[in-house]
N, C-alpha and C. Protein backbone atom coordinates (compact mmCIF):
# COMPACT_ATOMS: atom_id res chain seq x y z
N MET A 1 35.16 19.49 20.38
CA MET A 1 35.37 20.69 21.16
C MET A 1 34.24 20.82 22.17
N GLY A 2 34.64 20.90 23.44
CA GLY A 2 33.60 21.01 24.47
C GLY A 2 34.21 21.36 25.80
N ASP A 3 33.38 21.86 26.69
CA ASP A 3 33.80 22.19 28.05
C ASP A 3 33.85 20.91 28.88
N TYR A 4 34.96 20.71 29.59
CA TYR A 4 35.16 19.46 30.34
C TYR A 4 34.01 19.18 31.31
N THR A 5 33.66 20.16 32.12
CA THR A 5 32.63 19.94 33.15
C THR A 5 31.28 19.68 32.52
N ARG A 6 30.95 20.42 31.46
CA ARG A 6 29.64 20.23 30.83
C ARG A 6 29.54 18.86 30.16
N VAL A 7 30.60 18.43 29.46
CA VAL A 7 30.57 17.12 28.80
C VAL A 7 30.44 16.02 29.85
N LYS A 8 31.16 16.17 30.94
CA LYS A 8 31.08 15.19 32.02
C LYS A 8 29.65 15.10 32.57
N GLN A 9 29.01 16.25 32.79
CA GLN A 9 27.65 16.27 33.33
C GLN A 9 26.67 15.64 32.34
N ILE A 10 26.85 15.88 31.04
CA ILE A 10 25.98 15.28 30.03
C ILE A 10 26.08 13.76 30.08
N LEU A 11 27.31 13.25 30.14
CA LEU A 11 27.51 11.80 30.20
C LEU A 11 26.90 11.20 31.47
N ILE A 12 27.09 11.88 32.60
CA ILE A 12 26.51 11.40 33.86
C ILE A 12 24.99 11.33 33.75
N ASN A 13 24.36 12.37 33.19
CA ASN A 13 22.91 12.38 33.07
C ASN A 13 22.40 11.26 32.18
N LEU A 14 23.04 11.06 31.02
CA LEU A 14 22.58 10.03 30.08
C LEU A 14 22.82 8.62 30.63
N LEU A 15 23.98 8.41 31.24
CA LEU A 15 24.26 7.08 31.82
C LEU A 15 23.34 6.80 33.00
N ASN A 16 23.08 7.81 33.80
CA ASN A 16 22.19 7.65 34.94
C ASN A 16 20.78 7.24 34.49
N ASN A 17 20.26 7.89 33.44
CA ASN A 17 18.94 7.53 32.92
C ASN A 17 18.94 6.13 32.33
N ALA A 18 20.03 5.77 31.64
CA ALA A 18 20.11 4.45 31.01
C ALA A 18 20.06 3.34 32.05
N ILE A 19 20.62 3.60 33.22
CA ILE A 19 20.58 2.61 34.31
C ILE A 19 19.23 2.65 35.02
N LYS A 20 18.76 3.85 35.29
CA LYS A 20 17.53 4.01 36.08
C LYS A 20 16.31 3.45 35.37
N TYR A 21 16.23 3.61 34.05
CA TYR A 21 15.06 3.16 33.31
C TYR A 21 15.31 1.85 32.57
N ASN A 22 16.30 1.09 33.03
CA ASN A 22 16.60 -0.20 32.43
C ASN A 22 15.74 -1.29 33.06
N ARG A 23 15.94 -2.52 32.63
CA ARG A 23 15.23 -3.66 33.21
C ARG A 23 16.21 -4.48 34.04
N PRO A 24 15.75 -5.31 34.96
CA PRO A 24 16.65 -6.15 35.75
C PRO A 24 17.49 -7.04 34.82
N GLY A 25 18.79 -7.05 35.03
CA GLY A 25 19.66 -7.85 34.19
C GLY A 25 19.97 -7.21 32.85
N GLY A 26 19.55 -5.98 32.66
CA GLY A 26 19.77 -5.29 31.40
C GLY A 26 21.22 -4.81 31.26
N SER A 27 21.49 -4.10 30.17
CA SER A 27 22.85 -3.63 29.93
C SER A 27 22.82 -2.20 29.39
N VAL A 28 23.97 -1.54 29.51
CA VAL A 28 24.16 -0.19 28.99
C VAL A 28 25.46 -0.20 28.19
N SER A 29 25.44 0.37 27.00
CA SER A 29 26.65 0.44 26.18
C SER A 29 26.93 1.89 25.80
N LEU A 30 28.21 2.20 25.72
CA LEU A 30 28.67 3.55 25.39
C LEU A 30 29.58 3.45 24.18
N ARG A 31 29.33 4.24 23.15
CA ARG A 31 30.19 4.19 21.97
C ARG A 31 30.31 5.57 21.36
N TYR A 32 31.28 5.71 20.44
CA TYR A 32 31.47 6.99 19.77
C TYR A 32 31.66 6.78 18.28
N ASP A 33 31.35 7.78 17.52
CA ASP A 33 31.56 7.79 16.07
C ASP A 33 32.09 9.16 15.67
N ILE A 34 33.06 9.17 14.77
CA ILE A 34 33.54 10.43 14.21
C ILE A 34 32.88 10.61 12.85
N ARG A 35 32.08 11.64 12.73
CA ARG A 35 31.31 11.90 11.52
C ARG A 35 31.73 13.24 10.92
N PRO A 36 31.36 13.48 9.67
CA PRO A 36 31.66 14.79 9.09
C PRO A 36 31.02 15.94 9.88
N SER A 37 29.88 15.65 10.49
CA SER A 37 29.17 16.69 11.23
C SER A 37 29.72 16.90 12.64
N GLY A 38 30.52 15.95 13.15
CA GLY A 38 31.05 16.12 14.49
C GLY A 38 31.37 14.80 15.15
N TYR A 39 31.69 14.88 16.42
CA TYR A 39 32.05 13.72 17.24
C TYR A 39 30.81 13.29 18.02
N ARG A 40 30.31 12.09 17.73
CA ARG A 40 29.06 11.64 18.33
C ARG A 40 29.32 10.60 19.42
N ILE A 41 28.71 10.80 20.58
CA ILE A 41 28.77 9.84 21.68
C ILE A 41 27.35 9.33 21.92
N SER A 42 27.20 8.01 21.98
CA SER A 42 25.87 7.39 22.12
C SER A 42 25.82 6.53 23.37
N VAL A 43 24.70 6.59 24.07
CA VAL A 43 24.45 5.75 25.25
C VAL A 43 23.21 4.92 24.96
N ARG A 44 23.37 3.61 24.91
CA ARG A 44 22.26 2.71 24.58
C ARG A 44 21.92 1.83 25.77
N ASP A 45 20.62 1.63 26.00
CA ASP A 45 20.19 0.76 27.08
C ASP A 45 19.22 -0.30 26.55
N THR A 46 18.94 -1.27 27.38
CA THR A 46 18.00 -2.34 27.01
C THR A 46 16.73 -2.23 27.86
N GLY A 47 16.33 -1.00 28.13
CA GLY A 47 15.23 -0.76 29.05
C GLY A 47 13.86 -0.78 28.42
N ILE A 48 12.95 0.00 29.01
CA ILE A 48 11.53 -0.07 28.66
C ILE A 48 11.22 0.61 27.33
N GLY A 49 12.12 1.47 26.86
CA GLY A 49 11.86 2.17 25.61
C GLY A 49 10.83 3.28 25.76
N ILE A 50 10.65 4.05 24.71
CA ILE A 50 9.76 5.21 24.73
C ILE A 50 8.83 5.13 23.53
N PRO A 51 7.52 5.26 23.74
CA PRO A 51 6.59 5.23 22.60
C PRO A 51 6.94 6.31 21.57
N ALA A 52 6.80 5.98 20.30
CA ALA A 52 7.16 6.91 19.23
C ALA A 52 6.38 8.22 19.33
N ASP A 53 5.11 8.14 19.75
CA ASP A 53 4.29 9.35 19.79
C ASP A 53 4.62 10.27 20.97
N ARG A 54 5.52 9.84 21.86
CA ARG A 54 5.88 10.68 23.00
C ARG A 54 7.34 11.09 23.00
N GLN A 55 8.10 10.67 22.02
CA GLN A 55 9.52 11.00 22.00
C GLN A 55 9.76 12.49 21.82
N GLY A 56 8.82 13.19 21.20
CA GLY A 56 8.94 14.63 21.03
C GLY A 56 8.85 15.41 22.33
N GLU A 57 8.37 14.75 23.41
CA GLU A 57 8.21 15.41 24.70
C GLU A 57 9.42 15.22 25.62
N LEU A 58 10.40 14.43 25.17
CA LEU A 58 11.49 14.01 26.04
C LEU A 58 12.27 15.16 26.66
N PHE A 59 12.52 16.20 25.91
CA PHE A 59 13.41 17.26 26.38
C PHE A 59 12.64 18.44 26.97
N GLN A 60 11.35 18.23 27.29
CA GLN A 60 10.56 19.27 27.93
C GLN A 60 10.79 19.22 29.44
N PRO A 61 11.06 20.37 30.08
CA PRO A 61 11.28 20.36 31.54
C PRO A 61 10.07 19.84 32.29
N PHE A 62 10.33 19.04 33.32
CA PHE A 62 9.33 18.49 34.25
C PHE A 62 8.37 17.51 33.59
N ASN A 63 8.66 17.08 32.38
CA ASN A 63 7.82 16.07 31.72
C ASN A 63 8.52 14.72 31.82
N ARG A 64 7.99 13.82 32.64
CA ARG A 64 8.62 12.51 32.85
C ARG A 64 7.90 11.41 32.08
N LEU A 65 7.00 11.77 31.20
CA LEU A 65 6.29 10.82 30.33
C LEU A 65 5.58 9.73 31.13
N GLY A 66 5.05 10.09 32.28
CA GLY A 66 4.31 9.14 33.10
C GLY A 66 5.15 8.33 34.05
N ALA A 67 6.48 8.51 34.05
CA ALA A 67 7.35 7.71 34.92
C ALA A 67 7.15 8.05 36.39
N GLU A 68 6.56 9.23 36.66
CA GLU A 68 6.35 9.62 38.06
C GLU A 68 5.40 8.67 38.78
N SER A 69 4.58 7.92 38.04
CA SER A 69 3.65 6.98 38.66
C SER A 69 4.26 5.58 38.81
N GLY A 70 5.51 5.41 38.36
CA GLY A 70 6.12 4.08 38.38
C GLY A 70 7.07 3.85 39.53
N GLY A 71 7.20 4.80 40.45
CA GLY A 71 8.05 4.60 41.61
C GLY A 71 9.51 4.93 41.39
N ILE A 72 9.90 5.43 40.20
CA ILE A 72 11.28 5.81 39.94
C ILE A 72 11.44 7.29 40.24
N GLU A 73 12.39 7.60 41.14
CA GLU A 73 12.56 8.99 41.55
C GLU A 73 13.13 9.84 40.41
N GLY A 74 12.75 11.10 40.42
CA GLY A 74 13.26 12.03 39.41
C GLY A 74 12.43 13.28 39.39
N THR A 75 12.97 14.33 38.73
CA THR A 75 12.27 15.61 38.65
C THR A 75 11.83 15.94 37.24
N GLY A 76 12.44 15.29 36.25
CA GLY A 76 12.08 15.59 34.87
C GLY A 76 12.81 16.78 34.29
N VAL A 77 13.92 17.20 34.92
CA VAL A 77 14.69 18.32 34.37
C VAL A 77 16.03 17.87 33.79
N GLY A 78 16.41 16.61 34.01
CA GLY A 78 17.72 16.13 33.60
C GLY A 78 17.97 16.24 32.10
N LEU A 79 17.01 15.76 31.30
CA LEU A 79 17.20 15.81 29.85
C LEU A 79 17.09 17.23 29.31
N ALA A 80 16.24 18.04 29.92
CA ALA A 80 16.13 19.43 29.49
C ALA A 80 17.44 20.17 29.75
N LEU A 81 18.06 19.93 30.92
CA LEU A 81 19.35 20.54 31.23
C LEU A 81 20.43 20.01 30.30
N THR A 82 20.39 18.68 30.03
CA THR A 82 21.37 18.07 29.13
C THR A 82 21.30 18.72 27.76
N ARG A 83 20.11 18.91 27.25
CA ARG A 83 19.96 19.53 25.93
C ARG A 83 20.51 20.96 25.93
N LYS A 84 20.24 21.70 27.00
CA LYS A 84 20.73 23.09 27.08
C LYS A 84 22.26 23.11 27.06
N LEU A 85 22.89 22.18 27.79
CA LEU A 85 24.34 22.15 27.83
C LEU A 85 24.93 21.82 26.46
N VAL A 86 24.30 20.86 25.76
CA VAL A 86 24.78 20.49 24.42
C VAL A 86 24.67 21.69 23.47
N LEU A 87 23.54 22.38 23.51
CA LEU A 87 23.33 23.52 22.61
C LEU A 87 24.30 24.66 22.93
N LEU A 88 24.63 24.84 24.21
CA LEU A 88 25.59 25.88 24.60
C LEU A 88 26.96 25.64 23.98
N MET A 89 27.26 24.37 23.68
CA MET A 89 28.55 24.03 23.08
C MET A 89 28.43 23.83 21.57
N ASN A 90 27.37 24.40 20.97
CA ASN A 90 27.15 24.33 19.52
C ASN A 90 27.00 22.88 19.03
N GLY A 91 26.40 22.05 19.85
CA GLY A 91 26.19 20.66 19.49
C GLY A 91 24.74 20.34 19.21
N SER A 92 24.47 19.06 19.03
CA SER A 92 23.10 18.59 18.80
C SER A 92 22.88 17.32 19.61
N ILE A 93 21.62 17.00 19.87
CA ILE A 93 21.28 15.84 20.69
C ILE A 93 20.02 15.20 20.13
N GLY A 94 19.91 13.88 20.27
CA GLY A 94 18.74 13.19 19.76
C GLY A 94 18.57 11.83 20.41
N VAL A 95 17.53 11.13 19.98
CA VAL A 95 17.22 9.82 20.56
C VAL A 95 16.56 8.94 19.50
N SER A 96 16.83 7.66 19.59
CA SER A 96 16.06 6.67 18.84
C SER A 96 15.65 5.60 19.84
N SER A 97 14.40 5.21 19.79
CA SER A 97 13.89 4.29 20.81
C SER A 97 12.76 3.45 20.25
N GLU A 98 12.65 2.25 20.78
CA GLU A 98 11.56 1.35 20.43
C GLU A 98 10.98 0.80 21.73
N GLN A 99 9.70 0.96 21.90
CA GLN A 99 9.04 0.56 23.15
C GLN A 99 9.29 -0.93 23.41
N GLY A 100 9.76 -1.21 24.62
CA GLY A 100 10.03 -2.58 25.02
C GLY A 100 11.40 -3.09 24.59
N GLN A 101 12.14 -2.33 23.75
CA GLN A 101 13.43 -2.80 23.24
C GLN A 101 14.61 -1.94 23.72
N GLY A 102 14.33 -0.78 24.25
CA GLY A 102 15.41 0.07 24.73
C GLY A 102 15.51 1.38 23.98
N SER A 103 16.47 2.20 24.38
CA SER A 103 16.65 3.53 23.81
C SER A 103 18.12 3.81 23.59
N GLU A 104 18.39 4.70 22.63
CA GLU A 104 19.75 5.17 22.39
C GLU A 104 19.72 6.69 22.31
N PHE A 105 20.36 7.32 23.31
CA PHE A 105 20.49 8.77 23.32
C PHE A 105 21.89 9.12 22.82
N TRP A 106 21.98 10.14 22.00
CA TRP A 106 23.27 10.55 21.48
C TRP A 106 23.40 12.07 21.53
N PHE A 107 24.64 12.52 21.61
CA PHE A 107 24.90 13.95 21.45
C PHE A 107 26.15 14.09 20.60
N GLU A 108 26.20 15.19 19.87
CA GLU A 108 27.26 15.41 18.89
C GLU A 108 27.87 16.79 19.12
N LEU A 109 29.20 16.85 19.14
CA LEU A 109 29.91 18.11 19.33
C LEU A 109 30.83 18.37 18.14
N PRO A 110 31.14 19.64 17.87
CA PRO A 110 32.00 19.96 16.72
C PRO A 110 33.39 19.37 16.88
N LEU A 111 33.98 18.98 15.76
CA LEU A 111 35.36 18.49 15.75
C LEU A 111 36.33 19.67 15.84
N ALA A 112 37.46 19.43 16.48
CA ALA A 112 38.49 20.46 16.59
C ALA A 112 39.47 20.29 15.44
N HIS A 113 39.17 20.90 14.30
CA HIS A 113 40.02 20.76 13.12
C HIS A 113 41.23 21.67 13.16
N ALA A 114 41.13 22.79 13.85
CA ALA A 114 42.21 23.76 13.85
C ALA A 114 42.24 24.49 15.18
N PRO A 115 43.37 25.10 15.53
CA PRO A 115 43.44 25.85 16.79
C PRO A 115 42.46 27.00 16.79
N GLU A 116 42.08 27.40 18.00
CA GLU A 116 41.20 28.56 18.14
C GLU A 116 41.91 29.81 17.64
N PRO A 117 41.22 30.71 16.94
CA PRO A 117 41.85 31.95 16.48
C PRO A 117 42.30 32.81 17.65
N MET A 118 43.38 33.53 17.46
CA MET A 118 43.89 34.40 18.51
C MET A 118 42.89 35.53 18.77
N ALA A 119 42.83 35.93 20.03
CA ALA A 119 41.92 37.01 20.39
C ALA A 119 42.38 38.32 19.77
N ASP A 120 41.41 39.14 19.44
CA ASP A 120 41.71 40.48 18.91
C ASP A 120 42.44 41.27 19.99
N PRO A 121 43.64 41.79 19.72
CA PRO A 121 44.38 42.53 20.75
C PRO A 121 43.57 43.66 21.37
N ALA A 122 42.66 44.23 20.58
CA ALA A 122 41.89 45.36 21.10
C ALA A 122 40.93 44.92 22.19
N THR A 123 40.60 43.60 22.24
CA THR A 123 39.63 43.13 23.23
C THR A 123 40.28 42.24 24.28
N THR A 124 41.61 42.12 24.26
CA THR A 124 42.30 41.26 25.22
C THR A 124 42.27 41.89 26.62
N VAL A 125 41.96 41.06 27.62
CA VAL A 125 42.02 41.51 29.01
C VAL A 125 43.37 41.09 29.56
N HIS A 126 44.20 42.01 29.97
CA HIS A 126 45.53 41.70 30.44
C HIS A 126 45.50 41.17 31.87
N ALA A 127 46.51 40.40 32.20
CA ALA A 127 46.61 39.83 33.55
C ALA A 127 46.58 40.96 34.57
N GLY A 128 45.77 40.74 35.59
CA GLY A 128 45.67 41.74 36.64
C GLY A 128 44.51 42.69 36.45
N ALA A 129 43.99 42.77 35.22
CA ALA A 129 42.85 43.65 34.97
C ALA A 129 41.57 42.95 35.39
N THR A 130 40.62 43.68 35.92
CA THR A 130 39.35 43.12 36.35
C THR A 130 38.24 43.72 35.52
N PRO A 131 37.56 42.89 34.67
CA PRO A 131 36.47 43.43 33.86
C PRO A 131 35.37 43.96 34.75
N ALA A 132 34.74 45.02 34.30
CA ALA A 132 33.63 45.60 35.07
C ALA A 132 32.46 44.64 35.10
N ALA A 133 31.93 44.39 36.28
CA ALA A 133 30.81 43.46 36.44
C ALA A 133 29.55 44.24 36.77
N SER A 134 28.46 43.85 36.15
CA SER A 134 27.20 44.51 36.43
C SER A 134 26.69 44.07 37.80
N PRO A 135 26.07 44.97 38.55
CA PRO A 135 25.62 44.62 39.90
C PRO A 135 24.52 43.57 39.86
N ALA A 136 24.57 42.65 40.83
CA ALA A 136 23.57 41.57 40.89
C ALA A 136 22.34 42.07 41.64
N HIS A 137 21.17 41.82 41.08
CA HIS A 137 19.92 42.23 41.73
C HIS A 137 19.27 41.08 42.48
N HIS A 138 19.72 39.87 42.21
CA HIS A 138 19.13 38.70 42.87
C HIS A 138 20.25 37.77 43.33
N THR A 139 19.98 37.03 44.41
CA THR A 139 20.95 36.07 44.95
C THR A 139 20.32 34.69 45.02
N VAL A 140 21.05 33.70 44.54
CA VAL A 140 20.63 32.30 44.62
C VAL A 140 21.63 31.56 45.50
N LEU A 141 21.12 30.88 46.52
CA LEU A 141 21.95 30.07 47.41
C LEU A 141 21.85 28.61 46.96
N TYR A 142 23.00 28.02 46.65
CA TYR A 142 23.04 26.63 46.17
C TYR A 142 23.74 25.78 47.22
N ILE A 143 22.98 24.88 47.88
CA ILE A 143 23.52 24.02 48.93
C ILE A 143 23.77 22.64 48.32
N GLU A 144 25.03 22.32 48.11
CA GLU A 144 25.42 21.10 47.39
C GLU A 144 26.85 20.74 47.75
N ASP A 145 27.12 19.48 48.11
CA ASP A 145 28.46 19.10 48.54
C ASP A 145 29.33 18.57 47.41
N ASN A 146 28.76 18.36 46.22
CA ASN A 146 29.53 17.83 45.10
C ASN A 146 30.21 18.98 44.34
N PRO A 147 31.55 19.04 44.35
CA PRO A 147 32.24 20.16 43.70
C PRO A 147 31.95 20.25 42.20
N ALA A 148 31.78 19.10 41.52
CA ALA A 148 31.50 19.13 40.08
C ALA A 148 30.16 19.78 39.81
N ASN A 149 29.16 19.47 40.64
CA ASN A 149 27.85 20.09 40.47
C ASN A 149 27.90 21.59 40.77
N GLN A 150 28.70 21.97 41.77
CA GLN A 150 28.85 23.39 42.07
C GLN A 150 29.47 24.14 40.88
N ARG A 151 30.50 23.54 40.27
CA ARG A 151 31.14 24.19 39.12
C ARG A 151 30.17 24.32 37.94
N LEU A 152 29.40 23.25 37.73
CA LEU A 152 28.43 23.29 36.63
C LEU A 152 27.41 24.40 36.85
N MET A 153 26.88 24.50 38.06
CA MET A 153 25.88 25.53 38.34
C MET A 153 26.49 26.92 38.23
N GLN A 154 27.74 27.06 38.67
CA GLN A 154 28.39 28.37 38.59
C GLN A 154 28.54 28.80 37.14
N GLU A 155 28.89 27.84 36.26
CA GLU A 155 29.04 28.17 34.85
C GLU A 155 27.70 28.59 34.23
N LEU A 156 26.63 27.92 34.64
CA LEU A 156 25.32 28.29 34.11
C LEU A 156 24.92 29.69 34.57
N PHE A 157 25.20 30.00 35.85
CA PHE A 157 24.81 31.31 36.37
C PHE A 157 25.73 32.42 35.90
N ASP A 158 26.92 32.07 35.41
CA ASP A 158 27.81 33.10 34.86
C ASP A 158 27.18 33.79 33.66
N ASP A 159 26.25 33.11 33.01
CA ASP A 159 25.60 33.68 31.82
C ASP A 159 24.43 34.60 32.18
N ILE A 160 24.10 34.70 33.47
CA ILE A 160 22.97 35.53 33.90
C ILE A 160 23.54 36.76 34.60
N ASP A 161 23.36 37.91 33.99
CA ASP A 161 24.04 39.12 34.46
C ASP A 161 23.60 39.60 35.84
N ASP A 162 22.31 39.53 36.12
CA ASP A 162 21.83 40.18 37.35
C ASP A 162 21.58 39.20 38.50
N VAL A 163 22.20 38.03 38.46
CA VAL A 163 22.03 37.04 39.52
C VAL A 163 23.39 36.61 40.05
N LYS A 164 23.53 36.60 41.37
CA LYS A 164 24.76 36.13 42.02
C LYS A 164 24.49 34.77 42.65
N LEU A 165 25.36 33.79 42.39
CA LEU A 165 25.24 32.46 42.96
C LEU A 165 26.19 32.33 44.14
N VAL A 166 25.65 31.89 45.28
CA VAL A 166 26.44 31.63 46.48
C VAL A 166 26.34 30.15 46.78
N CYS A 167 27.48 29.46 46.95
CA CYS A 167 27.49 28.02 47.17
C CYS A 167 27.84 27.69 48.62
N ALA A 168 27.19 26.67 49.16
CA ALA A 168 27.50 26.14 50.48
C ALA A 168 27.57 24.62 50.38
N HIS A 169 28.57 24.02 51.05
CA HIS A 169 28.78 22.57 50.89
C HIS A 169 28.10 21.74 51.98
N THR A 170 27.50 22.39 52.97
CA THR A 170 26.74 21.67 54.01
C THR A 170 25.44 22.41 54.29
N ALA A 171 24.47 21.66 54.83
CA ALA A 171 23.19 22.28 55.18
C ALA A 171 23.38 23.30 56.30
N GLU A 172 24.27 22.99 57.24
CA GLU A 172 24.49 23.88 58.37
C GLU A 172 25.01 25.25 57.89
N LEU A 173 25.99 25.21 56.98
CA LEU A 173 26.52 26.46 56.45
C LEU A 173 25.46 27.18 55.62
N GLY A 174 24.68 26.43 54.86
CA GLY A 174 23.62 27.02 54.05
C GLY A 174 22.59 27.75 54.89
N ILE A 175 22.21 27.14 56.00
CA ILE A 175 21.23 27.78 56.90
C ILE A 175 21.80 29.06 57.48
N GLU A 176 23.08 29.02 57.88
CA GLU A 176 23.72 30.22 58.43
C GLU A 176 23.74 31.35 57.40
N LEU A 177 24.07 31.01 56.14
CA LEU A 177 24.10 32.04 55.09
C LEU A 177 22.71 32.56 54.79
N ALA A 178 21.72 31.65 54.78
CA ALA A 178 20.35 32.06 54.47
C ALA A 178 19.79 32.99 55.53
N CYS A 179 20.18 32.77 56.78
CA CYS A 179 19.66 33.61 57.86
C CYS A 179 20.40 34.96 57.94
N SER A 180 21.68 34.95 57.62
CA SER A 180 22.45 36.19 57.73
C SER A 180 22.22 37.12 56.53
N ASP A 181 22.01 36.52 55.35
CA ASP A 181 21.79 37.33 54.16
C ASP A 181 20.77 36.58 53.28
N PRO A 182 19.48 36.74 53.55
CA PRO A 182 18.46 35.93 52.88
C PRO A 182 18.52 36.03 51.35
N PRO A 183 18.61 34.90 50.66
CA PRO A 183 18.64 34.91 49.20
C PRO A 183 17.23 34.98 48.62
N ASP A 184 17.14 35.19 47.31
CA ASP A 184 15.84 35.18 46.63
C ASP A 184 15.37 33.75 46.34
N LEU A 185 16.33 32.84 46.25
CA LEU A 185 16.00 31.45 45.91
C LEU A 185 17.04 30.54 46.53
N ILE A 186 16.60 29.37 47.03
CA ILE A 186 17.52 28.37 47.55
C ILE A 186 17.36 27.09 46.73
N LEU A 187 18.47 26.60 46.17
CA LEU A 187 18.51 25.29 45.52
C LEU A 187 19.30 24.37 46.44
N MET A 188 18.70 23.24 46.84
CA MET A 188 19.34 22.41 47.85
C MET A 188 19.26 20.93 47.50
N ASP A 189 20.40 20.27 47.64
CA ASP A 189 20.45 18.83 47.48
C ASP A 189 19.79 18.17 48.69
N ILE A 190 19.32 16.94 48.52
CA ILE A 190 18.72 16.20 49.63
C ILE A 190 19.78 15.46 50.42
N ASP A 191 20.69 14.77 49.71
CA ASP A 191 21.71 13.93 50.33
C ASP A 191 22.94 14.77 50.62
N LEU A 192 23.02 15.29 51.84
CA LEU A 192 24.14 16.15 52.23
C LEU A 192 24.87 15.54 53.42
N PRO A 193 26.14 15.86 53.60
CA PRO A 193 26.85 15.37 54.80
C PRO A 193 26.29 16.03 56.05
N GLY A 194 26.17 15.27 57.12
CA GLY A 194 25.57 15.83 58.34
C GLY A 194 24.06 15.92 58.19
N MET A 195 23.52 17.11 58.36
CA MET A 195 22.09 17.32 58.21
C MET A 195 21.67 17.16 56.75
N ASN A 196 20.58 16.43 56.51
CA ASN A 196 20.13 16.26 55.13
C ASN A 196 19.22 17.42 54.71
N GLY A 197 18.86 17.43 53.43
CA GLY A 197 18.08 18.53 52.88
C GLY A 197 16.70 18.67 53.49
N PHE A 198 16.06 17.54 53.82
CA PHE A 198 14.71 17.59 54.41
C PHE A 198 14.74 18.27 55.78
N SER A 199 15.73 17.90 56.60
CA SER A 199 15.84 18.52 57.93
C SER A 199 16.16 20.00 57.81
N ALA A 200 17.02 20.34 56.86
CA ALA A 200 17.37 21.75 56.66
C ALA A 200 16.15 22.55 56.22
N GLN A 201 15.32 21.95 55.36
CA GLN A 201 14.12 22.64 54.88
C GLN A 201 13.16 22.93 56.05
N LYS A 202 13.04 21.99 56.98
CA LYS A 202 12.16 22.20 58.13
C LYS A 202 12.66 23.37 58.98
N LEU A 203 13.98 23.44 59.19
CA LEU A 203 14.53 24.54 59.98
C LEU A 203 14.35 25.88 59.27
N LEU A 204 14.54 25.90 57.97
CA LEU A 204 14.37 27.14 57.23
C LEU A 204 12.94 27.62 57.27
N ARG A 205 11.99 26.68 57.22
CA ARG A 205 10.57 27.07 57.25
C ARG A 205 10.17 27.67 58.60
N GLN A 206 10.90 27.31 59.66
CA GLN A 206 10.59 27.85 60.98
C GLN A 206 11.15 29.25 61.18
N ASN A 207 12.01 29.66 60.27
CA ASN A 207 12.64 30.97 60.38
C ASN A 207 11.99 31.94 59.39
N PRO A 208 11.34 32.97 59.91
CA PRO A 208 10.62 33.90 59.01
C PRO A 208 11.55 34.64 58.07
């Protein structure tokens, strides 16, 4: 049992890391196991591996375990976000790794043994009804052309009551929105169609 977009993003993150931190000519394998505790998906690589004494730091935001000095691009938030998504779906995540031999990251989600229980009629929202929404006190502008990433971010922000997420699929549209209604925070991809994120950042900095 899991959300389609979130499971897809978890797989993309784990497969991306398995390729990025692999060795030339290495391999990546994907497998699954059905266990009493849940449905487990594992991603194994033949890369550099992780020292045992640092594996506890893997899911800490912005901690790249020294990889930032090795020329491999990254921010160090991928695994932290992956763990958050797994936990949101009542799952678990872990890793086994041996330095120089590779790593295996896995996540486990609950099995769907029975249909979901019917909603309590007293709490059912009927078609056409609009639940009352609390007013947003902050606005986040997300400039990203990938629809899957936009959906993922929207789902994450749906859990935050006082923040409104506004999405733009190009830098040009993002700049127009930022100037007409300045947000509290801008999250922007670098690789965008037309103007890239670096050029957009320069233009935004010139605008008070």
